[in-house]
Amino acid sequence: MTSIVPPSGPPPFGPTAPAPPTRTGATGFAQVFDMAAARARREQALTTPVIPQTVLQEMDSARLVLEALDAQGHELRFDRELGGRIRAELRTVDGTAVRQVPLTEVVDVGSPDTPSAA
């Protein structure tokens, strides 16, 4: 008479791991994926975000100041000093320092008036 002994070690098809959860939380062999929803999410992520009108206006104002400085032969340079402080200088295009500009003049936060650059 022969006796049947179960084999030792892992099962012949490897250990069974739980299936990863889907977005709906369901697991299992016949998971259903909504391809149209996935495509819509991917396309939405690729679209360019809308820039607020206030940001566009501030960019336009900065461009006007830059053009005015360029027409005068000047530029504004920012340097980071030791300790993290920021310093602004008005310089000629060849690099000669004209004057140091206070940051309150450069970045006029909360005021509708545009400061003069020179």
C-alpha atoms as a PDB file:
ATOM      1  CA  MET A   1       0.000   0.000   0.000  1.00  0.00           C
ATOM      2  CA  THR A   2       1.253   3.458  -0.923  1.00  0.00           C
ATOM      3  CA  SER A   3       0.603   6.508   1.145  1.00  0.00           C
ATOM      4  CA  ILE A   4       0.156   9.956  -0.422  1.00  0.00           C
ATOM      5  CA  VAL A   5       1.998  12.726   1.359  1.00  0.00           C
ATOM      6  CA  PRO A   6       1.393  16.369   0.387  1.00  0.00           C
ATOM      7  CA  PRO A   7       4.551  18.085  -0.869  1.00  0.00           C
ATOM      8  CA  SER A   8       6.297  20.540   1.404  1.00  0.00           C
ATOM      9  CA  GLY A   9       7.256  24.087   0.411  1.00  0.00           C
ATOM     10  CA  PRO A  10       5.364  26.779  -1.488  1.00  0.00           C
ATOM     11  CA  PRO A  11       2.401  25.929  -3.682  1.00  0.00           C
ATOM     12  CA  PRO A  12       3.314  25.002  -7.281  1.00  0.00           C
ATOM     13  CA  PHE A  13       1.978  28.289  -8.682  1.00  0.00           C
ATOM     14  CA  GLY A  14       3.667  30.550  -6.150  1.00  0.00           C
ATOM     15  CA  PRO A  15       2.108  32.435  -3.269  1.00  0.00           C
ATOM     16  CA  THR A  16      -1.156  34.177  -3.957  1.00  0.00           C
ATOM     17  CA  ALA A  17      -0.985  37.918  -3.387  1.00  0.00           C
ATOM     18  CA  PRO A  18      -4.052  40.093  -3.091  1.00  0.00           C
ATOM     19  CA  ALA A  19      -4.919  42.056  -6.222  1.00  0.00           C
ATOM     20  CA  PRO A  20      -4.151  45.784  -6.051  1.00  0.00           C
ATOM     21  CA  PRO A  21      -7.231  47.912  -5.383  1.00  0.00           C
ATOM     22  CA  THR A  22      -8.722  49.905  -8.226  1.00  0.00           C
ATOM     23  CA  ARG A  23      -9.923  53.491  -7.942  1.00  0.00           C
ATOM     24  CA  THR A  24     -13.313  52.195  -6.824  1.00  0.00           C
ATOM     25  CA  GLY A  25     -11.704  50.006  -4.169  1.00  0.00           C
ATOM     26  CA  ALA A  26     -12.755  46.732  -5.837  1.00  0.00           C
ATOM     27  CA  THR A  27     -10.292  43.902  -6.182  1.00  0.00           C
ATOM     28  CA  GLY A  28     -10.369  40.665  -8.045  1.00  0.00           C
ATOM     29  CA  PHE A  29      -9.763  38.920 -11.296  1.00  0.00           C
ATOM     30  CA  ALA A  30     -12.299  40.705 -13.502  1.00  0.00           C
ATOM     31  CA  GLN A  31     -11.685  44.340 -12.607  1.00  0.00           C
ATOM     32  CA  VAL A  32     -13.465  46.858 -14.810  1.00  0.00           C
ATOM     33  CA  PHE A  33     -11.613  50.013 -15.823  1.00  0.00           C
ATOM     34  CA  ASP A  34     -13.447  53.003 -17.226  1.00  0.00           C
ATOM     35  CA  MET A  35     -11.139  53.949 -20.103  1.00  0.00           C
ATOM     36  CA  ALA A  36     -13.147  57.058 -21.026  1.00  0.00           C
ATOM     37  CA  ALA A  37     -12.840  58.413 -17.476  1.00  0.00           C
ATOM     38  CA  ALA A  38      -9.115  57.622 -17.379  1.00  0.00           C
ATOM     39  CA  ARG A  39      -8.611  59.349 -20.752  1.00  0.00           C
ATOM     40  CA  ALA A  40     -10.562  62.417 -19.559  1.00  0.00           C
ATOM     41  CA  ARG A  41      -8.435  62.635 -16.385  1.00  0.00           C
ATOM     42  CA  ARG A  42      -5.235  62.374 -18.455  1.00  0.00           C
ATOM     43  CA  GLU A  43      -6.368  65.055 -20.916  1.00  0.00           C
ATOM     44  CA  GLN A  44      -7.435  67.359 -18.086  1.00  0.00           C
ATOM     45  CA  ALA A  45      -3.989  67.013 -16.497  1.00  0.00           C
ATOM     46  CA  LEU A  46      -2.321  67.937 -19.797  1.00  0.00           C
ATOM     47  CA  THR A  47      -4.324  71.109 -20.432  1.00  0.00           C
ATOM     48  CA  THR A  48      -2.709  74.434 -19.677  1.00  0.00           C
ATOM     49  CA  PRO A  49      -4.048  76.052 -16.512  1.00  0.00           C
ATOM     50  CA  VAL A  50      -5.858  79.346 -16.912  1.00  0.00           C
ATOM     51  CA  ILE A  51      -3.732  82.286 -15.780  1.00  0.00           C
ATOM     52  CA  PRO A  52      -5.735  84.767 -13.683  1.00  0.00           C
ATOM     53  CA  GLN A  53      -6.303  88.186 -15.256  1.00  0.00           C
ATOM     54  CA  THR A  54      -4.565  89.950 -12.330  1.00  0.00           C
ATOM     55  CA  VAL A  55      -1.376  87.979 -12.997  1.00  0.00           C
ATOM     56  CA  LEU A  56      -1.489  88.900 -16.691  1.00  0.00           C
ATOM     57  CA  GLN A  57      -1.927  92.588 -15.764  1.00  0.00           C
ATOM     58  CA  GLU A  58       1.036  92.444 -13.361  1.00  0.00           C
ATOM     59  CA  MET A  59       3.175  90.778 -16.034  1.00  0.00           C
ATOM     60  CA  ASP A  60       2.229  93.517 -18.490  1.00  0.00           C
ATOM     61  CA  SER A  61       3.127  96.203 -15.927  1.00  0.00           C
ATOM     62  CA  ALA A  62       6.503  94.537 -15.321  1.00  0.00           C
ATOM     63  CA  ARG A  63       7.126  94.446 -19.071  1.00  0.00           C
ATOM     64  CA  LEU A  64       6.403  98.189 -19.336  1.00  0.00           C
ATOM     65  CA  VAL A  65       8.848  98.956 -16.511  1.00  0.00           C
ATOM     66  CA  LEU A  66      11.490  96.749 -18.135  1.00  0.00           C
ATOM     67  CA  GLU A  67      11.024  98.501 -21.486  1.00  0.00           C
ATOM     68  CA  ALA A  68      11.260 101.940 -19.817  1.00  0.00           C
ATOM     69  CA  LEU A  69      14.476 100.965 -18.025  1.00  0.00           C
ATOM     70  CA  ASP A  70      15.925  99.555 -21.242  1.00  0.00           C
ATOM     71  CA  ALA A  71      15.080 102.757 -23.131  1.00  0.00           C
ATOM     72  CA  GLN A  72      16.983 104.723 -20.457  1.00  0.00           C
ATOM     73  CA  GLY A  73      19.972 102.375 -20.688  1.00  0.00           C
ATOM     74  CA  HIS A  74      19.360 100.901 -17.240  1.00  0.00           C
ATOM     75  CA  GLU A  75      18.605  97.554 -15.700  1.00  0.00           C
ATOM     76  CA  LEU A  76      17.552  96.359 -12.273  1.00  0.00           C
ATOM     77  CA  ARG A  77      19.680  93.653 -10.658  1.00  0.00           C
ATOM     78  CA  PHE A  78      18.841  91.564  -7.629  1.00  0.00           C
ATOM     79  CA  ASP A  79      21.516  89.973  -5.431  1.00  0.00           C
ATOM     80  CA  ARG A  80      21.159  87.673  -2.444  1.00  0.00           C
ATOM     81  CA  GLU A  81      23.389  88.703   0.433  1.00  0.00           C
ATOM     82  CA  LEU A  82      24.644  86.513   3.265  1.00  0.00           C
ATOM     83  CA  GLY A  83      21.786  85.692   5.571  1.00  0.00           C
ATOM     84  CA  GLY A  84      19.305  85.537   2.693  1.00  0.00           C
ATOM     85  CA  ARG A  85      18.565  89.252   2.377  1.00  0.00           C
ATOM     86  CA  ILE A  86      17.807  90.531  -1.119  1.00  0.00           C
ATOM     87  CA  ARG A  87      19.381  93.696  -2.475  1.00  0.00           C
ATOM     88  CA  ALA A  88      18.274  95.574  -5.602  1.00  0.00           C
ATOM     89  CA  GLU A  89      20.483  97.917  -7.591  1.00  0.00           C
ATOM     90  CA  LEU A  90      19.808 100.163 -10.539  1.00  0.00           C
ATOM     91  CA  ARG A  91      22.692  99.758 -12.998  1.00  0.00           C
ATOM     92  CA  THR A  92      23.582 100.899 -16.456  1.00  0.00           C
ATOM     93  CA  VAL A  93      23.598  98.211 -19.139  1.00  0.00           C
ATOM     94  CA  ASP A  94      27.406  98.099 -18.970  1.00  0.00           C
ATOM     95  CA  GLY A  95      27.170  97.144 -15.251  1.00  0.00           C
ATOM     96  CA  THR A  96      27.955 100.469 -13.533  1.00  0.00           C
ATOM     97  CA  ALA A  97      25.955 100.850 -10.305  1.00  0.00           C
ATOM     98  CA  VAL A  98      23.740 103.949 -10.313  1.00  0.00           C
ATOM     99  CA  ARG A  99      22.110 103.512  -6.903  1.00  0.00           C
ATOM    100  CA  GLN A 100      20.755 100.944  -4.499  1.00  0.00           C
ATOM    101  CA  VAL A 101      16.974 100.657  -4.740  1.00  0.00           C
ATOM    102  CA  PRO A 102      14.898  99.861  -1.648  1.00  0.00           C
ATOM    103  CA  LEU A 103      12.754  96.752  -2.107  1.00  0.00           C
ATOM    104  CA  THR A 104       9.704  98.774  -1.057  1.00  0.00           C
ATOM    105  CA  GLU A 105      10.249 100.787  -4.235  1.00  0.00           C
ATOM    106  CA  VAL A 106      10.839  97.741  -6.411  1.00  0.00           C
ATOM    107  CA  VAL A 107       7.953  95.641  -5.104  1.00  0.00           C
ATOM    108  CA  ASP A 108       5.146  98.032  -4.327  1.00  0.00           C
ATOM    109  CA  VAL A 109       2.765  95.623  -2.598  1.00  0.00           C
ATOM    110  CA  GLY A 110      -0.804  96.773  -2.105  1.00  0.00           C
ATOM    111  CA  SER A 111      -0.534 100.088  -3.938  1.00  0.00           C
ATOM    112  CA  PRO A 112      -2.159 100.811  -7.301  1.00  0.00           C
ATOM    113  CA  ASP A 113       0.575 103.343  -8.165  1.00  0.00           C
ATOM    114  CA  THR A 114       3.629 102.189 -10.086  1.00  0.00           C
ATOM    115  CA  PRO A 115       6.901 103.436  -8.537  1.00  0.00           C
ATOM    116  CA  SER A 116       9.431 105.232 -10.691  1.00  0.00           C
ATOM    117  CA  ALA A 117      12.530 103.220 -11.515  1.00  0.00           C
ATOM    118  CA  ALA A 118      15.025 106.070 -11.783  1.00  0.00           C
END
